[in-house]
Amino acid sequence: PKRTRFRKLHRGRMKGISCRGNQICFGKYALQA
């Protein structure tokens, strides 16, 4: 479930992103955060 992680982390906040998939999220959400 790679797509599910992005949706749940993106909707919740940087909490999930910083905990999991920070390598993939950091590239896309790192600029937004």
PDB file of N, CA and C in Angstrom:
ATOM      1  N   PRO A   1       0.851  -1.237   0.000  1.00  0.00           N
ATOM      2  CA  PRO A   1       0.000   0.000   0.000  1.00  0.00           C
ATOM      3  C   PRO A   1       0.858   1.248   0.000  1.00  0.00           C
ATOM      4  N   LYS A   2       1.557   1.526  -1.042  1.00  0.00           N
ATOM      5  CA  LYS A   2       2.366   2.771  -1.060  1.00  0.00           C
ATOM      6  C   LYS A   2       1.444   3.972  -1.211  1.00  0.00           C
ATOM      7  N   ARG A   3       0.453   3.891  -2.034  1.00  0.00           N
ATOM      8  CA  ARG A   3      -0.455   5.089  -2.250  1.00  0.00           C
ATOM      9  C   ARG A   3      -1.226   5.363  -0.965  1.00  0.00           C
ATOM     10  N   THR A   4      -1.565   4.329  -0.236  1.00  0.00           N
ATOM     11  CA  THR A   4      -2.363   4.584   1.007  1.00  0.00           C
ATOM     12  C   THR A   4      -1.507   5.364   1.989  1.00  0.00           C
ATOM     13  N   ARG A   5      -0.223   5.088   2.042  1.00  0.00           N
ATOM     14  CA  ARG A   5       0.626   5.796   3.034  1.00  0.00           C
ATOM     15  C   ARG A   5       0.652   7.270   2.686  1.00  0.00           C
ATOM     16  N   PHE A   6       0.818   7.588   1.416  1.00  0.00           N
ATOM     17  CA  PHE A   6       0.897   9.040   1.073  1.00  0.00           C
ATOM     18  C   PHE A   6      -0.415   9.715   1.468  1.00  0.00           C
ATOM     19  N   ARG A   7      -1.529   9.136   1.153  1.00  0.00           N
ATOM     20  CA  ARG A   7      -2.862   9.800   1.442  1.00  0.00           C
ATOM     21  C   ARG A   7      -3.029   9.930   2.938  1.00  0.00           C
ATOM     22  N   LYS A   8      -2.770   8.886   3.676  1.00  0.00           N
ATOM     23  CA  LYS A   8      -3.005   8.988   5.162  1.00  0.00           C
ATOM     24  C   LYS A   8      -2.001   9.974   5.759  1.00  0.00           C
ATOM     25  N   LEU A   9      -0.759   9.888   5.359  1.00  0.00           N
ATOM     26  CA  LEU A   9       0.241  10.813   5.959  1.00  0.00           C
ATOM     27  C   LEU A   9      -0.069  12.237   5.513  1.00  0.00           C
ATOM     28  N   HIS A  10      -0.345  12.397   4.225  1.00  0.00           N
ATOM     29  CA  HIS A  10      -0.586  13.783   3.701  1.00  0.00           C
ATOM     30  C   HIS A  10      -1.812  14.361   4.416  1.00  0.00           C
ATOM     31  N   ARG A  11      -2.823  13.582   4.647  1.00  0.00           N
ATOM     32  CA  ARG A  11      -4.093  14.105   5.291  1.00  0.00           C
ATOM     33  C   ARG A  11      -3.826  14.338   6.772  1.00  0.00           C
ATOM     34  N   GLY A  12      -3.204  13.398   7.418  1.00  0.00           N
ATOM     35  CA  GLY A  12      -2.952  13.600   8.880  1.00  0.00           C
ATOM     36  C   GLY A  12      -2.021  14.783   9.065  1.00  0.00           C
ATOM     37  N   ARG A  13      -0.823  14.731   8.651  1.00  0.00           N
ATOM     38  CA  ARG A  13       0.148  15.879   8.819  1.00  0.00           C
ATOM     39  C   ARG A  13       1.584  15.374   8.725  1.00  0.00           C
ATOM     40  N   MET A  14       2.537  16.069   9.150  1.00  0.00           N
ATOM     41  CA  MET A  14       3.941  15.580   9.047  1.00  0.00           C
ATOM     42  C   MET A  14       4.181  14.478  10.091  1.00  0.00           C
ATOM     43  N   LYS A  15       3.228  14.185  10.939  1.00  0.00           N
ATOM     44  CA  LYS A  15       3.427  13.125  11.968  1.00  0.00           C
ATOM     45  C   LYS A  15       3.737  11.797  11.275  1.00  0.00           C
ATOM     46  N   GLY A  16       2.787  11.340  10.466  1.00  0.00           N
ATOM     47  CA  GLY A  16       3.014  10.047   9.770  1.00  0.00           C
ATOM     48  C   GLY A  16       4.202  10.162   8.821  1.00  0.00           C
ATOM     49  N   ILE A  17       4.262  11.240   8.111  1.00  0.00           N
ATOM     50  CA  ILE A  17       5.354  11.367   7.106  1.00  0.00           C
ATOM     51  C   ILE A  17       6.719  11.282   7.809  1.00  0.00           C
ATOM     52  N   SER A  18       6.854  11.982   8.922  1.00  0.00           N
ATOM     53  CA  SER A  18       8.189  11.974   9.594  1.00  0.00           C
ATOM     54  C   SER A  18       8.479  10.605  10.144  1.00  0.00           C
ATOM     55  N   CYS A  19       7.441   9.859  10.461  1.00  0.00           N
ATOM     56  CA  CYS A  19       7.660   8.505  11.038  1.00  0.00           C
ATOM     57  C   CYS A  19       7.926   7.493   9.946  1.00  0.00           C
ATOM     58  N   ARG A  20       7.118   7.510   8.879  1.00  0.00           N
ATOM     59  CA  ARG A  20       7.257   6.473   7.800  1.00  0.00           C
ATOM     60  C   ARG A  20       7.391   7.072   6.444  1.00  0.00           C
ATOM     61  N   GLY A  21       8.004   6.399   5.506  1.00  0.00           N
ATOM     62  CA  GLY A  21       8.130   6.971   4.139  1.00  0.00           C
ATOM     63  C   GLY A  21       8.706   8.363   4.201  1.00  0.00           C
ATOM     64  N   ASN A  22       9.557   8.678   5.111  1.00  0.00           N
ATOM     65  CA  ASN A  22      10.080  10.072   5.134  1.00  0.00           C
ATOM     66  C   ASN A  22      10.986  10.234   3.919  1.00  0.00           C
ATOM     67  N   GLN A  23      11.535   9.164   3.386  1.00  0.00           N
ATOM     68  CA  GLN A  23      12.419   9.319   2.193  1.00  0.00           C
ATOM     69  C   GLN A  23      11.582   9.779   1.003  1.00  0.00           C
ATOM     70  N   ILE A  24      10.432   9.151   0.797  1.00  0.00           N
ATOM     71  CA  ILE A  24       9.589   9.546  -0.369  1.00  0.00           C
ATOM     72  C   ILE A  24       8.823  10.830  -0.072  1.00  0.00           C
ATOM     73  N   CYS A  25       8.297  10.930   1.121  1.00  0.00           N
ATOM     74  CA  CYS A  25       7.497  12.130   1.477  1.00  0.00           C
ATOM     75  C   CYS A  25       8.415  13.323   1.600  1.00  0.00           C
ATOM     76  N   PHE A  26       9.598  13.139   2.123  1.00  0.00           N
ATOM     77  CA  PHE A  26      10.489  14.308   2.323  1.00  0.00           C
ATOM     78  C   PHE A  26      10.698  14.987   0.968  1.00  0.00           C
ATOM     79  N   GLY A  27      10.921  14.207  -0.061  1.00  0.00           N
ATOM     80  CA  GLY A  27      11.153  14.821  -1.402  1.00  0.00           C
ATOM     81  C   GLY A  27       9.956  15.654  -1.815  1.00  0.00           C
ATOM     82  N   LYS A  28       8.754  15.217  -1.643  1.00  0.00           N
ATOM     83  CA  LYS A  28       7.552  15.979  -2.093  1.00  0.00           C
ATOM     84  C   LYS A  28       6.991  16.831  -0.979  1.00  0.00           C
ATOM     85  N   TYR A  29       6.876  16.329   0.214  1.00  0.00           N
ATOM     86  CA  TYR A  29       6.288  17.152   1.317  1.00  0.00           C
ATOM     87  C   TYR A  29       7.370  17.996   1.986  1.00  0.00           C
ATOM     88  N   ALA A  30       8.632  17.694   1.765  1.00  0.00           N
ATOM     89  CA  ALA A  30       9.693  18.486   2.444  1.00  0.00           C
ATOM     90  C   ALA A  30       9.572  19.943   2.003  1.00  0.00           C
ATOM     91  N   LEU A  31       9.289  20.174   0.730  1.00  0.00           N
ATOM     92  CA  LEU A  31       9.177  21.593   0.261  1.00  0.00           C
ATOM     93  C   LEU A  31       7.930  22.205   0.911  1.00  0.00           C
ATOM     94  N   GLN A  32       6.823  21.483   0.948  1.00  0.00           N
ATOM     95  CA  GLN A  32       5.570  22.069   1.519  1.00  0.00           C
ATOM     96  C   GLN A  32       5.774  22.316   3.005  1.00  0.00           C
ATOM     97  N   ALA A  33       6.441  21.398   3.694  1.00  0.00           N
ATOM     98  CA  ALA A  33       6.577  21.570   5.156  1.00  0.00           C
ATOM     99  C   ALA A  33       7.583  22.683   5.316  1.00  0.00           C
TER     100      ALA A  33
END
